[in-house]
C-alpha atoms as a PDB file:
ATOM      1  CA  UNK A   1     -59.398 -82.872  22.166  1.00  0.00           C
ATOM      2  CA  UNK A   2     -58.072 -80.391  24.708  1.00  0.00           C
ATOM      3  CA  UNK A   3     -59.702 -80.039  28.131  1.00  0.00           C
ATOM      4  CA  UNK A   4     -59.768 -76.654  29.838  1.00  0.00           C
ATOM      5  CA  UNK A   5     -61.901 -77.355  32.902  1.00  0.00           C
ATOM      6  CA  UNK A   6     -59.182 -78.268  35.440  1.00  0.00           C
ATOM      7  CA  UNK A   7     -57.549 -75.189  36.942  1.00  0.00           C
ATOM      8  CA  UNK A   8     -54.756 -77.302  38.436  1.00  0.00           C
ATOM      9  CA  UNK A   9     -52.859 -76.928  35.143  1.00  0.00           C
ATOM     10  CA  UNK A  10     -52.332 -73.293  36.154  1.00  0.00           C
ATOM     11  CA  UNK A  11     -49.927 -74.478  38.870  1.00  0.00           C
ATOM     12  CA  UNK A  12     -47.395 -74.514  36.029  1.00  0.00           C
ATOM     13  CA  UNK A  13     -47.284 -70.724  36.327  1.00  0.00           C
ATOM     14  CA  UNK A  14     -45.913 -70.980  39.881  1.00  0.00           C
ATOM     15  CA  UNK A  15     -43.435 -73.668  38.817  1.00  0.00           C
ATOM     16  CA  UNK A  16     -42.276 -71.380  36.016  1.00  0.00           C
ATOM     17  CA  UNK A  17     -41.937 -68.283  38.226  1.00  0.00           C
ATOM     18  CA  UNK A  18     -40.114 -70.213  40.957  1.00  0.00           C
ATOM     19  CA  UNK A  19     -37.876 -71.887  38.358  1.00  0.00           C
ATOM     20  CA  UNK A  20     -38.666 -75.063  40.290  1.00  0.00           C
ATOM     21  CA  UNK A  21     -38.407 -77.401  37.304  1.00  0.00           C
ATOM     22  CA  UNK A  22     -37.320 -77.435  33.696  1.00  0.00           C
ATOM     23  CA  UNK A  23     -39.708 -77.880  30.804  1.00  0.00           C
ATOM     24  CA  UNK A  24     -41.287 -80.151  29.984  1.00  0.00           C
ATOM     25  CA  UNK A  25     -42.319 -80.147  33.596  1.00  0.00           C
ATOM     26  CA  UNK A  26     -44.303 -82.591  35.687  1.00  0.00           C
ATOM     27  CA  UNK A  27     -47.995 -82.056  35.024  1.00  0.00           C
ATOM     28  CA  UNK A  28     -49.877 -81.060  38.189  1.00  0.00           C
ATOM     29  CA  UNK A  29     -52.851 -83.123  36.967  1.00  0.00           C
ATOM     30  CA  UNK A  30     -51.540 -86.436  35.558  1.00  0.00           C
ATOM     31  CA  UNK A  31     -47.963 -86.319  36.954  1.00  0.00           C
ATOM     32  CA  UNK A  32     -46.501 -87.027  33.511  1.00  0.00           C
ATOM     33  CA  UNK A  33     -43.367 -85.069  32.593  1.00  0.00           C
ATOM     34  CA  UNK A  34     -45.108 -83.549  29.603  1.00  0.00           C
ATOM     35  CA  UNK A  35     -46.297 -80.095  30.727  1.00  0.00           C
ATOM     36  CA  UNK A  36     -45.340 -76.962  28.813  1.00  0.00           C
ATOM     37  CA  UNK A  37     -45.660 -73.206  29.076  1.00  0.00           C
ATOM     38  CA  UNK A  38     -45.471 -70.464  26.469  1.00  0.00           C
ATOM     39  CA  UNK A  39     -45.622 -66.696  27.009  1.00  0.00           C
ATOM     40  CA  UNK A  40     -45.841 -63.728  24.711  1.00  0.00           C
ATOM     41  CA  UNK A  41     -45.708 -60.066  25.705  1.00  0.00           C
ATOM     42  CA  UNK A  42     -48.076 -57.723  23.883  1.00  0.00           C
ATOM     43  CA  UNK A  43     -47.644 -54.654  26.091  1.00  0.00           C
ATOM     44  CA  UNK A  44     -44.938 -53.548  28.491  1.00  0.00           C
ATOM     45  CA  UNK A  45     -46.196 -55.628  31.402  1.00  0.00           C
ATOM     46  CA  UNK A  46     -49.113 -57.583  29.925  1.00  0.00           C
ATOM     47  CA  UNK A  47     -49.147 -60.662  27.807  1.00  0.00           C
ATOM     48  CA  UNK A  48     -50.682 -64.024  27.199  1.00  0.00           C
ATOM     49  CA  UNK A  49     -49.788 -67.472  28.465  1.00  0.00           C
ATOM     50  CA  UNK A  50     -50.575 -71.013  27.404  1.00  0.00           C
ATOM     51  CA  UNK A  51     -50.052 -73.904  29.817  1.00  0.00           C
ATOM     52  CA  UNK A  52     -50.708 -77.443  28.623  1.00  0.00           C
ATOM     53  CA  UNK A  53     -49.924 -81.110  29.077  1.00  0.00           C
ATOM     54  CA  UNK A  54     -49.246 -83.252  26.037  1.00  0.00           C
ATOM     55  CA  UNK A  55     -50.164 -86.425  27.929  1.00  0.00           C
ATOM     56  CA  UNK A  56     -53.520 -85.666  29.597  1.00  0.00           C
ATOM     57  CA  UNK A  57     -54.407 -82.836  27.160  1.00  0.00           C
ATOM     58  CA  UNK A  58     -55.375 -80.330  29.862  1.00  0.00           C
ATOM     59  CA  UNK A  59     -54.698 -76.715  28.960  1.00  0.00           C
ATOM     60  CA  UNK A  60     -55.215 -73.126  30.014  1.00  0.00           C
ATOM     61  CA  UNK A  61     -54.812 -69.849  28.133  1.00  0.00           C
ATOM     62  CA  UNK A  62     -55.171 -66.337  29.457  1.00  0.00           C
ATOM     63  CA  UNK A  63     -53.856 -62.841  30.018  1.00  0.00           C
ATOM     64  CA  UNK A  64     -51.158 -62.341  32.654  1.00  0.00           C
ATOM     65  CA  UNK A  65     -48.575 -59.906  33.955  1.00  0.00           C
ATOM     66  CA  UNK A  66     -45.375 -60.875  32.160  1.00  0.00           C
ATOM     67  CA  UNK A  67     -42.175 -60.887  34.251  1.00  0.00           C
ATOM     68  CA  UNK A  68     -39.750 -58.066  33.365  1.00  0.00           C
ATOM     69  CA  UNK A  69     -37.040 -60.588  32.538  1.00  0.00           C
ATOM     70  CA  UNK A  70     -39.101 -62.430  29.909  1.00  0.00           C
ATOM     71  CA  UNK A  71     -37.878 -62.022  26.307  1.00  0.00           C
ATOM     72  CA  UNK A  72     -40.232 -63.062  23.498  1.00  0.00           C
ATOM     73  CA  UNK A  73     -39.009 -65.598  20.970  1.00  0.00           C
ATOM     74  CA  UNK A  74     -38.898 -64.985  17.216  1.00  0.00           C
ATOM     75  CA  UNK A  75     -40.091 -68.356  15.937  1.00  0.00           C
ATOM     76  CA  UNK A  76     -43.729 -68.745  17.039  1.00  0.00           C
ATOM     77  CA  UNK A  77     -46.149 -67.238  14.548  1.00  0.00           C
ATOM     78  CA  UNK A  78     -48.817 -65.672  16.761  1.00  0.00           C
ATOM     79  CA  UNK A  79     -51.351 -65.591  13.942  1.00  0.00           C
ATOM     80  CA  UNK A  80     -51.336 -69.414  14.090  1.00  0.00           C
ATOM     81  CA  UNK A  81     -52.152 -69.597  17.811  1.00  0.00           C
ATOM     82  CA  UNK A  82     -55.609 -70.066  19.306  1.00  0.00           C
ATOM     83  CA  UNK A  83     -57.021 -70.566  22.780  1.00  0.00           C
ATOM     84  CA  UNK A  84     -56.128 -74.268  22.655  1.00  0.00           C
ATOM     85  CA  UNK A  85     -52.446 -75.091  22.088  1.00  0.00           C
ATOM     86  CA  UNK A  86     -52.706 -77.172  18.883  1.00  0.00           C
ATOM     87  CA  UNK A  87     -50.084 -75.114  17.035  1.00  0.00           C
ATOM     88  CA  UNK A  88     -47.852 -74.753  20.097  1.00  0.00           C
ATOM     89  CA  UNK A  89     -47.983 -78.513  20.667  1.00  0.00           C
ATOM     90  CA  UNK A  90     -46.296 -79.018  17.286  1.00  0.00           C
ATOM     91  CA  UNK A  91     -43.447 -76.784  18.478  1.00  0.00           C
ATOM     92  CA  UNK A  92     -43.255 -77.970  22.083  1.00  0.00           C
ATOM     93  CA  UNK A  93     -39.629 -79.151  21.947  1.00  0.00           C
ATOM     94  CA  UNK A  94     -38.421 -75.844  20.545  1.00  0.00           C
ATOM     95  CA  UNK A  95     -40.596 -73.901  23.007  1.00  0.00           C
ATOM     96  CA  UNK A  96     -39.327 -75.953  25.983  1.00  0.00           C
ATOM     97  CA  UNK A  97     -35.739 -75.388  24.917  1.00  0.00           C
ATOM     98  CA  UNK A  98     -36.339 -71.651  24.600  1.00  0.00           C
ATOM     99  CA  UNK A  99     -38.130 -71.385  27.964  1.00  0.00           C
ATOM    100  CA  UNK A 100     -35.337 -73.358  29.657  1.00  0.00           C
ATOM    101  CA  UNK A 101     -32.675 -71.096  28.107  1.00  0.00           C
ATOM    102  CA  UNK A 102     -34.436 -68.029  29.550  1.00  0.00           C
ATOM    103  CA  UNK A 103     -34.764 -69.624  32.984  1.00  0.00           C
ATOM    104  CA  UNK A 104     -31.130 -70.763  33.022  1.00  0.00           C
ATOM    105  CA  UNK A 105     -29.945 -67.270  32.071  1.00  0.00           C
ATOM    106  CA  UNK A 106     -31.533 -65.931  35.295  1.00  0.00           C
ATOM    107  CA  UNK A 107     -29.156 -67.861  37.561  1.00  0.00           C
END
């Protein structure tokens, strides 16, 4: 079962924006290197984000301002997503690889 009552998982957003780590990243809650992030743009500057840890099962989902440089992937089926990252967890390796490729392209 996913837990969504610890806002510390949202520190992944700052790690992502600062490009301070690759994904999977170190979880700000349990310190395991099993934290992930997934973004999807649904308007020019608005979108949704999921942040979760596969180890401690903490997660967060919400609306955010998407960075200009973010490019949506073509493999996640949004109609399969929900507030908790069950579907995204099954694709975490592919998502991490995609997120890392975007971050690396910014250097």
